[in-house]
Each structure stands twice: as structure tokens, then as C-alpha cells.
């Protein structure tokens, strides 16, 4: 997955999160301790994994380190 594809996927995840938040609200408890199978369980993991990969890619592109 390219950096641009990862960023696009992150934007899709953000849009879905905002849609759910606007429609139903998001309980802070669910955000920090989501139940098994809850949207936020997979959302947080996927989003964080993508963010880390984008960061690592950006660092490698300019030759710096974290």
C-alpha cells in the first residue's frame, strides 16, 4: 500500500468515525475500552497502524529517523 493509499484509507476511517459520532454519539468508555466486535476496536487498531506506517514512510522518504 502506498503512502497516498494509506492516507486515503485513514480519511475513510475518519469519515466513518465522524458519521457514527454525529448519528449516535460515541461514549468515551466505548472509545477507550471497546467491547469485542465493536467498530471502535478495529477502527483504533487499523487507524493507529496506518498512522505509524505513514510516519515511517515519511521518515524514510526524507532520510530521517524518529
N, C-alpha and C. Protein backbone atom coordinates (compact mmCIF):
# COMPACT_ATOMS: atom_id res chain seq x y z
N UNK A 1 0.86 -1.17 0.00
CA UNK A 1 0.00 0.00 0.00
C UNK A 1 0.91 1.24 0.00
N UNK A 2 0.63 2.15 -0.90
CA UNK A 2 1.42 3.37 -0.99
C UNK A 2 1.04 4.34 0.14
N UNK A 3 1.88 5.34 0.34
CA UNK A 3 1.58 6.34 1.37
C UNK A 3 0.25 7.03 1.07
N UNK A 4 0.01 7.36 -0.19
CA UNK A 4 -1.24 8.03 -0.55
C UNK A 4 -2.44 7.12 -0.30
N UNK A 5 -2.31 5.83 -0.57
CA UNK A 5 -3.40 4.88 -0.31
C UNK A 5 -3.67 4.77 1.19
N UNK A 6 -2.59 4.77 1.99
CA UNK A 6 -2.76 4.71 3.44
C UNK A 6 -3.47 5.96 3.95
N UNK A 7 -3.08 7.12 3.44
CA UNK A 7 -3.72 8.38 3.85
C UNK A 7 -5.19 8.38 3.44
N UNK A 8 -5.48 7.89 2.24
CA UNK A 8 -6.87 7.82 1.77
C UNK A 8 -7.69 6.91 2.69
N UNK A 9 -7.12 5.78 3.08
CA UNK A 9 -7.83 4.86 3.98
C UNK A 9 -8.05 5.52 5.35
N UNK A 10 -7.07 6.26 5.83
CA UNK A 10 -7.22 6.97 7.10
C UNK A 10 -8.36 7.98 7.01
N UNK A 11 -8.46 8.67 5.88
CA UNK A 11 -9.54 9.64 5.69
C UNK A 11 -10.89 8.93 5.66
N UNK A 12 -10.96 7.77 5.04
CA UNK A 12 -12.20 6.99 5.02
C UNK A 12 -12.60 6.60 6.45
N UNK A 13 -11.62 6.15 7.23
CA UNK A 13 -11.90 5.76 8.61
C UNK A 13 -12.37 6.97 9.43
N UNK A 14 -11.73 8.11 9.23
CA UNK A 14 -12.14 9.33 9.95
C UNK A 14 -13.57 9.71 9.59
N UNK A 15 -13.90 9.62 8.30
CA UNK A 15 -15.25 9.96 7.86
C UNK A 15 -16.28 9.03 8.49
N UNK A 16 -15.97 7.75 8.55
CA UNK A 16 -16.89 6.79 9.15
C UNK A 16 -17.05 7.08 10.64
N UNK A 17 -15.95 7.38 11.32
CA UNK A 17 -15.99 7.71 12.73
C UNK A 17 -16.88 8.94 12.97
N UNK A 18 -16.67 9.98 12.17
CA UNK A 18 -17.45 11.22 12.34
C UNK A 18 -18.93 10.97 12.05
N UNK A 19 -19.22 10.14 11.07
CA UNK A 19 -20.61 9.82 10.75
C UNK A 19 -21.29 9.13 11.93
N UNK A 20 -20.62 8.17 12.51
CA UNK A 20 -21.18 7.45 13.67
C UNK A 20 -21.31 8.39 14.86
N UNK A 21 -20.30 9.22 15.06
CA UNK A 21 -20.34 10.16 16.19
C UNK A 21 -21.51 11.13 16.06
N UNK A 22 -21.73 11.64 14.86
CA UNK A 22 -22.84 12.59 14.64
C UNK A 22 -24.20 11.92 14.77
N UNK A 23 -24.29 10.69 14.29
CA UNK A 23 -25.57 9.98 14.29
C UNK A 23 -25.95 9.49 15.68
N UNK A 24 -25.02 8.78 16.34
CA UNK A 24 -25.33 8.12 17.60
C UNK A 24 -24.53 8.63 18.79
N UNK A 25 -23.51 9.43 18.53
CA UNK A 25 -22.60 9.81 19.60
C UNK A 25 -21.67 8.65 19.92
N UNK A 26 -20.57 8.96 20.56
CA UNK A 26 -19.63 7.91 20.95
C UNK A 26 -19.33 8.09 22.42
N UNK A 27 -19.63 7.06 23.17
CA UNK A 27 -19.37 7.06 24.60
C UNK A 27 -17.87 6.97 24.83
N UNK A 28 -17.29 7.84 25.65
CA UNK A 28 -15.85 7.76 25.91
C UNK A 28 -15.42 6.39 26.42
N UNK A 29 -16.28 5.74 27.20
CA UNK A 29 -15.96 4.39 27.69
C UNK A 29 -15.76 3.44 26.51
N UNK A 30 -16.66 3.50 25.52
CA UNK A 30 -16.53 2.65 24.33
C UNK A 30 -15.27 2.98 23.54
N UNK A 31 -14.91 4.26 23.51
CA UNK A 31 -13.72 4.66 22.76
C UNK A 31 -12.46 4.07 23.39
N UNK A 32 -12.36 4.17 24.71
CA UNK A 32 -11.14 3.71 25.38
C UNK A 32 -11.14 2.23 25.71
N UNK A 33 -12.31 1.64 25.88
CA UNK A 33 -12.40 0.21 26.18
C UNK A 33 -13.53 -0.42 25.38
N UNK A 34 -13.37 -0.47 24.05
CA UNK A 34 -14.46 -1.02 23.22
C UNK A 34 -14.67 -2.52 23.47
N UNK A 35 -15.91 -2.92 23.40
CA UNK A 35 -16.25 -4.32 23.54
C UNK A 35 -15.77 -5.09 22.31
N UNK A 36 -15.57 -6.37 22.47
CA UNK A 36 -15.15 -7.22 21.35
C UNK A 36 -16.16 -7.09 20.22
N UNK A 37 -15.66 -6.85 19.02
CA UNK A 37 -16.51 -6.74 17.85
C UNK A 37 -17.06 -5.34 17.61
N UNK A 38 -16.87 -4.43 18.55
CA UNK A 38 -17.35 -3.05 18.39
C UNK A 38 -16.51 -2.37 17.30
N UNK A 39 -17.16 -1.50 16.52
CA UNK A 39 -16.47 -0.77 15.45
C UNK A 39 -15.17 -0.14 15.94
N UNK A 40 -15.19 0.43 17.14
CA UNK A 40 -14.02 1.15 17.63
C UNK A 40 -12.83 0.24 17.92
N UNK A 41 -13.10 -1.02 18.20
CA UNK A 41 -12.00 -1.96 18.44
C UNK A 41 -11.11 -2.08 17.21
N UNK A 42 -11.72 -2.33 16.07
CA UNK A 42 -10.94 -2.47 14.85
C UNK A 42 -10.51 -1.12 14.29
N UNK A 43 -11.34 -0.10 14.47
CA UNK A 43 -11.02 1.23 13.98
C UNK A 43 -9.71 1.74 14.57
N UNK A 44 -9.60 1.70 15.89
CA UNK A 44 -8.42 2.24 16.55
C UNK A 44 -7.16 1.50 16.12
N UNK A 45 -7.23 0.18 16.03
CA UNK A 45 -6.06 -0.59 15.64
C UNK A 45 -5.65 -0.27 14.21
N UNK A 46 -6.60 -0.30 13.29
CA UNK A 46 -6.28 -0.04 11.89
C UNK A 46 -5.76 1.39 11.70
N UNK A 47 -6.43 2.35 12.33
CA UNK A 47 -6.02 3.75 12.17
C UNK A 47 -4.61 3.97 12.74
N UNK A 48 -4.36 3.44 13.92
CA UNK A 48 -3.03 3.61 14.53
C UNK A 48 -1.95 2.91 13.72
N UNK A 49 -2.24 1.72 13.22
CA UNK A 49 -1.26 1.01 12.38
C UNK A 49 -0.94 1.81 11.12
N UNK A 50 -1.97 2.35 10.48
CA UNK A 50 -1.76 3.15 9.28
C UNK A 50 -0.97 4.42 9.58
N UNK A 51 -1.32 5.09 10.68
CA UNK A 51 -0.62 6.32 11.05
C UNK A 51 0.86 6.06 11.28
N UNK A 52 1.18 4.96 11.92
CA UNK A 52 2.58 4.61 12.16
C UNK A 52 3.30 4.32 10.85
N UNK A 53 2.64 3.59 9.95
CA UNK A 53 3.26 3.29 8.65
C UNK A 53 3.48 4.55 7.83
N UNK A 54 2.53 5.47 7.86
CA UNK A 54 2.68 6.74 7.13
C UNK A 54 3.87 7.51 7.72
N UNK A 55 3.96 7.55 9.02
CA UNK A 55 5.07 8.24 9.68
C UNK A 55 6.41 7.61 9.29
N UNK A 56 6.50 6.29 9.34
CA UNK A 56 7.73 5.59 8.98
C UNK A 56 8.09 5.84 7.51
N UNK A 57 7.09 5.83 6.65
CA UNK A 57 7.32 6.08 5.22
C UNK A 57 7.83 7.49 5.00
N UNK A 58 7.22 8.45 5.66
CA UNK A 58 7.64 9.85 5.52
C UNK A 58 9.08 10.03 5.99
N UNK A 59 9.43 9.41 7.11
CA UNK A 59 10.80 9.49 7.60
C UNK A 59 11.79 8.88 6.62
N UNK A 60 11.43 7.74 6.05
CA UNK A 60 12.34 7.10 5.11
C UNK A 60 12.49 7.90 3.82
N UNK A 61 11.43 8.58 3.43
CA UNK A 61 11.48 9.40 2.21
C UNK A 61 12.48 10.55 2.34
N UNK A 62 12.58 11.11 3.53
CA UNK A 62 13.49 12.25 3.69
C UNK A 62 14.80 11.87 4.37
N UNK A 63 14.93 10.58 4.70
CA UNK A 63 16.17 10.09 5.28
C UNK A 63 16.39 10.45 6.73
N UNK A 64 15.32 10.70 7.46
CA UNK A 64 15.47 10.99 8.89
C UNK A 64 15.02 9.79 9.71
N UNK A 65 15.18 9.91 11.00
CA UNK A 65 14.72 8.84 11.88
C UNK A 65 13.83 9.42 12.96
N UNK A 66 13.06 8.55 13.59
CA UNK A 66 12.13 9.00 14.62
C UNK A 66 12.88 9.37 15.87
